[in-house]
Amino acid sequence: MTTTPAYPGQLSVLQWRPQFVLTLLLAVIISACVSCRESVTVNQVGISSTTLSWKPPTQNSDGSPLTDLAGYKIYYGNESGNYHTSIHIDNPGIAIYVVENLTPNIYYFVLTAINSSGVESQFSNEVGKLVL
């Protein structure tokens, strides 16, 4: 299931007054499924940055307990399904990350979990965010 982007789909940003756009963006939280019980959210924390947060997975794709979570990988880009940048997180205890130095644009994010053998999960559902 694909989530709805964090901006009004039928209106361009130029049709909005800047103070309303900023208020709208700061109020929006988008969630997507990392596995059937896990989620990732995106919140804009300031100009040119956004915060991703997720609930760490507890099971492998076969339903067995996940006992060797080693970290995550965040993928993102400016086109849905086309992620040109990735960030590797080597700490499985981290479940929030601020992506900084983003130019104003729409960004699409997905997350994967990585086990101690280096095996990477499938992508989470994609979330979109307009960054000013």
N, C-alpha and C. Protein backbone atom coordinates (compact mmCIF):
# COMPACT_ATOMS: atom_id res chain seq x y z
N MET A 1 0.85 -1.17 0.00
CA MET A 1 0.00 0.00 0.00
C MET A 1 0.89 1.23 0.00
N THR A 2 0.66 2.13 -0.90
CA THR A 2 1.43 3.37 -0.99
C THR A 2 0.71 4.46 -0.20
N THR A 3 1.46 5.24 0.55
CA THR A 3 0.86 6.30 1.35
C THR A 3 0.67 7.55 0.51
N THR A 4 -0.16 8.43 1.02
CA THR A 4 -0.42 9.69 0.34
C THR A 4 0.72 10.66 0.63
N PRO A 5 1.21 11.38 -0.38
CA PRO A 5 2.26 12.37 -0.13
C PRO A 5 1.82 13.41 0.89
N ALA A 6 2.81 14.07 1.49
CA ALA A 6 2.55 15.03 2.55
C ALA A 6 2.15 16.40 2.04
N TYR A 7 1.75 16.51 0.82
CA TYR A 7 1.34 17.80 0.27
C TYR A 7 0.03 17.60 -0.48
N PRO A 8 -0.79 18.64 -0.64
CA PRO A 8 -2.04 18.50 -1.37
C PRO A 8 -1.78 18.12 -2.82
N GLY A 9 -2.27 16.97 -3.24
CA GLY A 9 -1.97 16.43 -4.55
C GLY A 9 -2.52 17.24 -5.71
N GLN A 10 -3.60 17.97 -5.54
CA GLN A 10 -4.21 18.69 -6.65
C GLN A 10 -3.78 20.16 -6.72
N LEU A 11 -3.09 20.64 -5.73
CA LEU A 11 -2.68 22.04 -5.70
C LEU A 11 -1.16 22.12 -5.71
N SER A 12 -0.64 23.08 -6.42
CA SER A 12 0.81 23.27 -6.37
C SER A 12 1.13 24.11 -5.14
N VAL A 13 2.35 24.00 -4.67
CA VAL A 13 2.77 24.77 -3.49
C VAL A 13 2.69 26.26 -3.76
N LEU A 14 2.89 26.69 -4.99
CA LEU A 14 2.85 28.11 -5.30
C LEU A 14 1.46 28.71 -5.10
N GLN A 15 0.41 27.90 -5.08
CA GLN A 15 -0.94 28.39 -4.86
C GLN A 15 -1.24 28.60 -3.38
N TRP A 16 -0.37 28.13 -2.51
CA TRP A 16 -0.57 28.26 -1.07
C TRP A 16 0.20 29.46 -0.55
N ARG A 17 -0.34 30.07 0.47
CA ARG A 17 0.41 31.13 1.16
C ARG A 17 1.51 30.48 1.97
N PRO A 18 2.73 31.04 1.99
CA PRO A 18 3.86 30.38 2.66
C PRO A 18 3.59 30.00 4.12
N GLN A 19 2.94 30.86 4.88
CA GLN A 19 2.72 30.54 6.29
C GLN A 19 1.80 29.34 6.45
N PHE A 20 0.84 29.17 5.54
CA PHE A 20 -0.05 28.01 5.61
C PHE A 20 0.68 26.74 5.21
N VAL A 21 1.57 26.84 4.21
CA VAL A 21 2.34 25.67 3.79
C VAL A 21 3.22 25.19 4.92
N LEU A 22 3.94 26.09 5.57
CA LEU A 22 4.82 25.71 6.66
C LEU A 22 4.02 25.10 7.80
N THR A 23 2.89 25.70 8.16
CA THR A 23 2.04 25.15 9.21
C THR A 23 1.56 23.77 8.85
N LEU A 24 1.13 23.59 7.61
CA LEU A 24 0.66 22.28 7.16
C LEU A 24 1.78 21.25 7.23
N LEU A 25 2.97 21.62 6.75
CA LEU A 25 4.07 20.66 6.73
C LEU A 25 4.52 20.27 8.13
N LEU A 26 4.52 21.20 9.04
CA LEU A 26 4.94 20.88 10.40
C LEU A 26 3.91 20.02 11.13
N ALA A 27 2.67 20.02 10.67
CA ALA A 27 1.62 19.26 11.33
C ALA A 27 1.43 17.86 10.77
N VAL A 28 2.07 17.55 9.65
CA VAL A 28 1.79 16.28 8.97
C VAL A 28 2.76 15.19 9.41
N ILE A 29 2.23 14.01 9.72
CA ILE A 29 3.03 12.82 9.99
C ILE A 29 2.57 11.75 9.03
N ILE A 30 3.50 11.13 8.31
CA ILE A 30 3.16 10.09 7.36
C ILE A 30 3.72 8.77 7.87
N SER A 31 2.92 7.73 7.84
CA SER A 31 3.36 6.42 8.30
C SER A 31 3.34 5.42 7.16
N ALA A 32 4.27 4.48 7.21
CA ALA A 32 4.29 3.38 6.25
C ALA A 32 4.76 2.13 6.97
N CYS A 33 4.41 1.01 6.46
CA CYS A 33 4.71 -0.26 7.10
C CYS A 33 6.12 -0.74 6.77
N VAL A 34 6.95 -1.05 7.78
CA VAL A 34 8.26 -1.65 7.58
C VAL A 34 8.08 -3.16 7.43
N SER A 35 7.29 -3.75 8.26
CA SER A 35 6.78 -5.10 8.08
C SER A 35 5.33 -4.96 8.46
N CYS A 36 4.60 -6.03 8.56
CA CYS A 36 3.17 -5.87 8.80
C CYS A 36 2.86 -5.17 10.12
N ARG A 37 3.80 -5.12 11.05
CA ARG A 37 3.55 -4.49 12.34
C ARG A 37 4.45 -3.29 12.62
N GLU A 38 5.36 -3.01 11.74
CA GLU A 38 6.32 -1.94 11.97
C GLU A 38 5.97 -0.73 11.11
N SER A 39 6.40 0.46 11.54
CA SER A 39 6.09 1.65 10.76
C SER A 39 7.25 2.63 10.77
N VAL A 40 7.27 3.46 9.76
CA VAL A 40 8.23 4.55 9.66
C VAL A 40 7.42 5.82 9.45
N THR A 41 7.82 6.92 10.08
CA THR A 41 7.14 8.19 9.92
C THR A 41 8.15 9.25 9.51
N VAL A 42 7.65 10.30 8.92
CA VAL A 42 8.49 11.40 8.47
C VAL A 42 7.92 12.69 9.03
N ASN A 43 8.75 13.51 9.66
CA ASN A 43 8.35 14.81 10.17
C ASN A 43 9.38 15.83 9.76
N GLN A 44 8.93 16.98 9.27
CA GLN A 44 9.87 18.05 8.95
C GLN A 44 10.22 18.77 10.24
N VAL A 45 11.52 18.89 10.54
CA VAL A 45 11.95 19.55 11.76
C VAL A 45 12.53 20.92 11.50
N GLY A 46 12.75 21.27 10.29
CA GLY A 46 13.28 22.58 9.96
C GLY A 46 13.51 22.66 8.46
N ILE A 47 13.89 23.81 8.02
CA ILE A 47 14.18 24.00 6.61
C ILE A 47 15.34 23.08 6.23
N SER A 48 15.23 22.37 5.16
CA SER A 48 16.23 21.48 4.57
C SER A 48 16.54 20.24 5.41
N SER A 49 15.65 19.85 6.29
CA SER A 49 15.84 18.60 7.02
C SER A 49 14.49 17.97 7.32
N THR A 50 14.51 16.68 7.56
CA THR A 50 13.29 15.98 7.95
C THR A 50 13.68 14.83 8.87
N THR A 51 12.79 14.44 9.73
CA THR A 51 13.05 13.36 10.69
C THR A 51 12.28 12.12 10.28
N LEU A 52 12.99 11.00 10.24
CA LEU A 52 12.38 9.70 10.00
C LEU A 52 12.35 8.96 11.33
N SER A 53 11.27 8.28 11.61
CA SER A 53 11.21 7.43 12.80
C SER A 53 10.47 6.16 12.44
N TRP A 54 10.80 5.09 13.16
CA TRP A 54 10.20 3.79 12.86
C TRP A 54 10.21 2.94 14.12
N LYS A 55 9.41 1.90 14.08
CA LYS A 55 9.37 0.91 15.15
C LYS A 55 10.25 -0.25 14.70
N PRO A 56 11.29 -0.60 15.47
CA PRO A 56 12.19 -1.68 15.06
C PRO A 56 11.43 -3.00 14.87
N PRO A 57 11.79 -3.75 13.83
CA PRO A 57 11.13 -5.04 13.61
C PRO A 57 11.49 -6.04 14.71
N THR A 58 10.60 -6.96 14.96
CA THR A 58 10.83 -7.98 15.98
C THR A 58 10.79 -9.39 15.40
N GLN A 59 10.43 -9.49 14.10
CA GLN A 59 10.33 -10.80 13.46
C GLN A 59 11.02 -10.79 12.12
N ASN A 60 11.51 -11.97 11.73
CA ASN A 60 12.01 -12.17 10.37
C ASN A 60 10.82 -12.34 9.45
N SER A 61 11.06 -12.29 8.15
CA SER A 61 9.98 -12.41 7.18
C SER A 61 9.26 -13.75 7.27
N ASP A 62 9.92 -14.78 7.81
CA ASP A 62 9.27 -16.09 7.96
C ASP A 62 8.48 -16.21 9.27
N GLY A 63 8.43 -15.13 10.06
CA GLY A 63 7.68 -15.12 11.31
C GLY A 63 8.48 -15.51 12.53
N SER A 64 9.72 -15.97 12.35
CA SER A 64 10.56 -16.33 13.49
C SER A 64 11.06 -15.06 14.18
N PRO A 65 11.41 -15.16 15.47
CA PRO A 65 11.90 -13.98 16.19
C PRO A 65 13.19 -13.43 15.56
N LEU A 66 13.27 -12.12 15.46
CA LEU A 66 14.48 -11.46 14.95
C LEU A 66 15.42 -11.26 16.13
N THR A 67 16.53 -12.00 16.14
CA THR A 67 17.46 -11.94 17.27
C THR A 67 18.80 -11.32 16.91
N ASP A 68 18.99 -10.99 15.63
CA ASP A 68 20.31 -10.49 15.19
C ASP A 68 20.21 -9.20 14.38
N LEU A 69 19.29 -8.32 14.75
CA LEU A 69 19.18 -7.04 14.07
C LEU A 69 20.47 -6.26 14.26
N ALA A 70 21.07 -5.80 13.15
CA ALA A 70 22.35 -5.09 13.22
C ALA A 70 22.24 -3.62 12.85
N GLY A 71 21.16 -3.23 12.17
CA GLY A 71 21.03 -1.84 11.78
C GLY A 71 19.98 -1.67 10.70
N TYR A 72 20.08 -0.52 10.02
CA TYR A 72 19.08 -0.15 9.02
C TYR A 72 19.76 0.55 7.85
N LYS A 73 19.02 0.66 6.78
CA LYS A 73 19.46 1.46 5.65
C LYS A 73 18.27 2.29 5.19
N ILE A 74 18.48 3.59 5.11
CA ILE A 74 17.47 4.53 4.62
C ILE A 74 17.82 4.83 3.17
N TYR A 75 16.84 4.70 2.30
CA TYR A 75 17.00 5.06 0.89
C TYR A 75 16.07 6.22 0.60
N TYR A 76 16.53 7.18 -0.22
CA TYR A 76 15.62 8.26 -0.62
C TYR A 76 16.03 8.87 -1.94
N GLY A 77 15.04 9.52 -2.56
CA GLY A 77 15.25 10.20 -3.83
C GLY A 77 14.08 11.10 -4.13
N ASN A 78 14.13 11.76 -5.27
CA ASN A 78 13.11 12.74 -5.65
C ASN A 78 12.02 12.16 -6.54
N GLU A 79 12.12 10.89 -6.88
CA GLU A 79 11.09 10.22 -7.67
C GLU A 79 10.62 9.00 -6.91
N SER A 80 9.33 8.76 -6.93
CA SER A 80 8.78 7.57 -6.30
C SER A 80 9.41 6.33 -6.93
N GLY A 81 9.95 5.45 -6.08
CA GLY A 81 10.56 4.22 -6.55
C GLY A 81 11.98 4.34 -7.05
N ASN A 82 12.54 5.55 -7.07
CA ASN A 82 13.90 5.78 -7.55
C ASN A 82 14.70 6.45 -6.43
N TYR A 83 15.47 5.66 -5.70
CA TYR A 83 16.17 6.15 -4.51
C TYR A 83 17.66 6.26 -4.82
N HIS A 84 18.14 7.47 -5.08
CA HIS A 84 19.52 7.68 -5.50
C HIS A 84 20.49 7.85 -4.34
N THR A 85 19.99 7.97 -3.13
CA THR A 85 20.84 8.18 -1.96
C THR A 85 20.48 7.18 -0.87
N SER A 86 21.50 6.72 -0.13
CA SER A 86 21.23 5.82 0.99
C SER A 86 22.09 6.22 2.19
N ILE A 87 21.58 5.89 3.35
CA ILE A 87 22.27 6.15 4.61
C ILE A 87 22.28 4.85 5.39
N HIS A 88 23.46 4.39 5.78
CA HIS A 88 23.58 3.15 6.54
C HIS A 88 23.66 3.49 8.03
N ILE A 89 22.83 2.84 8.83
CA ILE A 89 22.83 3.04 10.28
C ILE A 89 23.26 1.72 10.92
N ASP A 90 24.42 1.73 11.58
CA ASP A 90 25.00 0.51 12.16
C ASP A 90 24.53 0.22 13.58
N ASN A 91 23.58 0.95 14.08
CA ASN A 91 23.12 0.78 15.46
C ASN A 91 21.65 0.34 15.46
N PRO A 92 21.35 -0.90 15.86
CA PRO A 92 19.97 -1.36 15.85
C PRO A 92 19.10 -0.68 16.91
N GLY A 93 19.71 0.02 17.85
CA GLY A 93 18.96 0.73 18.89
C GLY A 93 18.41 2.07 18.43
N ILE A 94 18.83 2.53 17.27
CA ILE A 94 18.35 3.80 16.74
C ILE A 94 17.04 3.56 15.99
N ALA A 95 16.04 4.39 16.28
CA ALA A 95 14.75 4.28 15.59
C ALA A 95 14.26 5.65 15.16
N ILE A 96 15.17 6.62 15.13
CA ILE A 96 14.86 7.97 14.66
C ILE A 96 16.12 8.53 14.02
N TYR A 97 15.94 9.23 12.91
CA TYR A 97 17.10 9.76 12.20
C TYR A 97 16.71 11.05 11.50
N VAL A 98 17.55 12.08 11.62
CA VAL A 98 17.31 13.36 10.94
C VAL A 98 18.14 13.38 9.66
N VAL A 99 17.46 13.51 8.53
CA VAL A 99 18.13 13.65 7.24
C VAL A 99 18.27 15.15 7.00
N GLU A 100 19.51 15.61 6.86
CA GLU A 100 19.79 17.04 6.76
C GLU A 100 20.31 17.41 5.37
N ASN A 101 20.44 18.71 5.15
CA ASN A 101 21.00 19.28 3.93
C ASN A 101 20.22 18.87 2.68
N LEU A 102 18.91 18.85 2.80
CA LEU A 102 18.06 18.54 1.65
C LEU A 102 17.70 19.84 0.94
N THR A 103 17.76 19.85 -0.36
CA THR A 103 17.32 21.01 -1.11
C THR A 103 15.80 20.97 -1.20
N PRO A 104 15.14 22.11 -1.33
CA PRO A 104 13.68 22.11 -1.42
C PRO A 104 13.21 21.21 -2.57
N ASN A 105 12.39 20.24 -2.24
CA ASN A 105 11.90 19.29 -3.22
C ASN A 105 10.99 18.30 -2.52
N ILE A 106 10.40 17.40 -3.28
CA ILE A 106 9.66 16.28 -2.71
C ILE A 106 10.64 15.12 -2.61
N TYR A 107 10.66 14.45 -1.46
CA TYR A 107 11.52 13.30 -1.25
C TYR A 107 10.67 12.09 -0.91
N TYR A 108 11.13 10.94 -1.41
CA TYR A 108 10.47 9.67 -1.14
C TYR A 108 11.46 8.79 -0.38
N PHE A 109 11.00 8.22 0.73
CA PHE A 109 11.86 7.46 1.63
C PHE A 109 11.35 6.02 1.78
N VAL A 110 12.30 5.09 1.89
CA VAL A 110 12.01 3.72 2.30
C VAL A 110 13.10 3.30 3.27
N LEU A 111 12.85 2.25 4.04
CA LEU A 111 13.76 1.78 5.06
C LEU A 111 13.91 0.28 4.93
N THR A 112 15.10 -0.23 5.20
CA THR A 112 15.30 -1.67 5.30
C THR A 112 15.96 -1.97 6.64
N ALA A 113 15.77 -3.20 7.12
CA ALA A 113 16.46 -3.68 8.31
C ALA A 113 17.57 -4.61 7.84
N ILE A 114 18.68 -4.64 8.57
CA ILE A 114 19.83 -5.46 8.21
C ILE A 114 20.20 -6.33 9.41
N ASN A 115 20.41 -7.64 9.16
CA ASN A 115 20.80 -8.51 10.26
C ASN A 115 22.32 -8.61 10.37
N SER A 116 22.81 -9.34 11.35
CA SER A 116 24.26 -9.42 11.60
C SER A 116 25.02 -10.12 10.48
N SER A 117 24.33 -10.87 9.63
CA SER A 117 24.97 -11.51 8.47
C SER A 117 25.00 -10.59 7.26
N GLY A 118 24.44 -9.39 7.40
CA GLY A 118 24.40 -8.43 6.31
C GLY A 118 23.22 -8.61 5.37
N VAL A 119 22.29 -9.49 5.74
CA VAL A 119 21.10 -9.70 4.91
C VAL A 119 20.13 -8.55 5.14
N GLU A 120 19.69 -7.95 4.05
CA GLU A 120 18.82 -6.78 4.09
C GLU A 120 17.38 -7.17 3.80
N SER A 121 16.46 -6.60 4.54
CA SER A 121 15.03 -6.88 4.33
C SER A 121 14.55 -6.22 3.05
N GLN A 122 13.32 -6.52 2.69
CA GLN A 122 12.68 -5.81 1.60
C GLN A 122 12.42 -4.38 2.04
N PHE A 123 12.14 -3.49 1.08
CA PHE A 123 11.82 -2.10 1.40
C PHE A 123 10.54 -2.03 2.22
N SER A 124 10.52 -1.06 3.12
CA SER A 124 9.27 -0.69 3.78
C SER A 124 8.38 -0.04 2.73
N ASN A 125 7.17 0.26 3.08
CA ASN A 125 6.35 1.07 2.19
C ASN A 125 6.99 2.45 2.07
N GLU A 126 6.77 3.07 0.97
CA GLU A 126 7.35 4.37 0.69
C GLU A 126 6.54 5.48 1.36
N VAL A 127 7.25 6.49 1.86
CA VAL A 127 6.61 7.70 2.37
C VAL A 127 7.18 8.89 1.60
N GLY A 128 6.33 9.85 1.32
CA GLY A 128 6.75 11.05 0.60
C GLY A 128 6.66 12.27 1.49
N LYS A 129 7.56 13.22 1.26
CA LYS A 129 7.60 14.43 2.08
C LYS A 129 8.06 15.61 1.23
N LEU A 130 7.33 16.71 1.31
CA LEU A 130 7.74 17.95 0.68
C LEU A 130 8.63 18.70 1.66
N VAL A 131 9.86 18.98 1.27
CA VAL A 131 10.80 19.72 2.10
C VAL A 131 11.01 21.09 1.50
N LEU A 132 10.82 22.13 2.30
CA LEU A 132 11.02 23.51 1.83
C LEU A 132 12.40 24.00 2.16
